[in-house]
Amino acid sequence: MENIAFIELTERKLELKIVQSRQGRYRVLEDVINQYDLTNDITKDCLFSPKSRTDILKILNIYRYTIETYNVSKMIAFASNIIVKARNYRGLLDEIYTHTGMNFTLTNNDEVIRDIYQAINSKIDLSKGTCVYIAGYTTFILKYNRRNVTDSFVVPYGYINLSEKYSKLDDMVNFFKKEIKNCPFVVNFEEEGIVGAGVPFIDISKISKKLLRYPIDIDNNYILTRDGVDKVINFSKELDVEKVKKIKGLSFEGSDSLQGGLAIISTIFDFFGAEELAVTDADKMEGKVLENLVGSPTEKYSDLVLNSLDNYYEFKKEGLAINYNVYNMAILLFKQLKVVHKLPRNYVKPLKIASYMFDAGKFIDYKNYEKHGFYAILNSGIVGASQKDILIASFACQSQNLDNFNLPELMKYKEVLTDEDVDAIRKLGVLVKLAVNLNASRKGVIQDIICDILGDSIIMKTVVKSDPAFEIMQSMKLADDFKKTFKKSLQII
């Protein structure tokens, strides 16, 4: 296990991220961002002012102290290549090295494309399609297939310099359309999808959620629609910069990203003929982290959900952890009882999440941990699943105890959940709890099960390696809940 520090210098911020890495997995220990604005230094004066140099050095010296506190074994510092527009950028980097020992390297477009793709590929389960990443001064468009970038196109305008060039949205849109028209590829949306990343996508999605009264407060994998963007455009016409700054949840760049970002995103929808796209909160810093961790990206991305679950528990699991056993048992029960529960395969992914994270609520409080599991899963950052899948998994985890099944609470999400989903949540909750109890001794006693369905009863035969008395005793405590949910009596032998 080791702690690694990543420092990024851009025209708008200095970010320090310290991660703890073990066996190719990691967790964030510290993430500090200090914001400023070097736009005038870079684009107008073409020189870093003495004040800017002093401010940057002051922040980095503070970061250095934090790095030492965490006993970091490796430090990776990189800077946006936009800073080369300042003629004295080399002097600044030398001064930083002299005073802090941080050796900043400049990232070129090829490296940014690699980092963006690594990050997005670890957050969105889409084997082929197109990704659009909007930065302050550049927009990157990547086409990928079979988890490899096959083509890319770079537009030398992002949400900052586009907003500086024009003040009206229509002018920005017309200009950006001319810039993007030479992009050599267009997605066929019947077969592929599009992913949006970068500050404007996140900020505009937040506003879209508010306008549409969308009830799930998760950034990653939000489906942004053309209609949602149009609503944000109409809403923004009535706002000045100060009003934009007051919108809760927007980034530091929100006032700048709104108009420039809207212009780019609106053009993207038109150019690719899309009605919707998936927004991800992945950023290039995450790509840099992944690039420097041990492990095979191909192996990690083969099953995003399972990798995400493993990563979540890598730093939480105990010596007697049974999460993976419960996960496998729940899937086995789902298959064996298919004719009983009658749920389609689209509920397998929520079942996987709820079963693997059945005890996530224990990190909050053991008492009624199933109920706490709802918040734990919903805010866990699990990736590779839709927001609806994560919501269903959260309710299913909570419904391990059917006393927690609360219809009025479910109705708060009526814009997302269907009647079928509500029925599935109850059934998944019972299956998860049964999978937990079939692993009650934490020794993997039950290796397989075979279910015989006989009229109004189910006989569950266990294949074991030792005495399953404890597992059977605990599992039979669910007999009443099982009958109430599936309308069949349960017998385990």
Foldseek 3Di string as FASTA:
>chain_A
DFKEWEWEAEQFWIWIWIWDDDPLFIDTPDIDIDTDHCPCQQPPVLAQDPVNLVVVLVVLVVVLVVCVVRVHPYYAYEYEPSNVSRVCVVVSQVVSCVRRVHRYYYDDPVLQVLLQLLQVLLFAQFQWAWEWEADQQKIKIFTHHRSDTPDIDIQRGHLNVLCVVDVDLVVSLVVVLVRCVPPPDADDVVRGAYEYEYQLLQQLVVVLCVVVVQPAPDRFFDKQFLVSLVVLVVVCVPDDLVVQVPDPPHDPCRSSCHSSVSSVVNNSCVVRVDGIHTYGHGHSVNSVVSVPGDDDSVVCSVQSQVSLLCSLCVVPDDPLDCLVQLLVQLVQCCVQCCVQLVDDPVLNSLLNLLLSCLQQQVVVPNVLSLQSQLVCQSPVSRHHDHNLSSNLSSLLSSLLPVVSLDVVVVVSNVVRDDPVSSLVSNVSNVSSNLSCLLCVVSPCFFDHWHWDDDPQAIEIETDGDDDSVRSQVSNQVCQVSCCVNRVHGYHYD
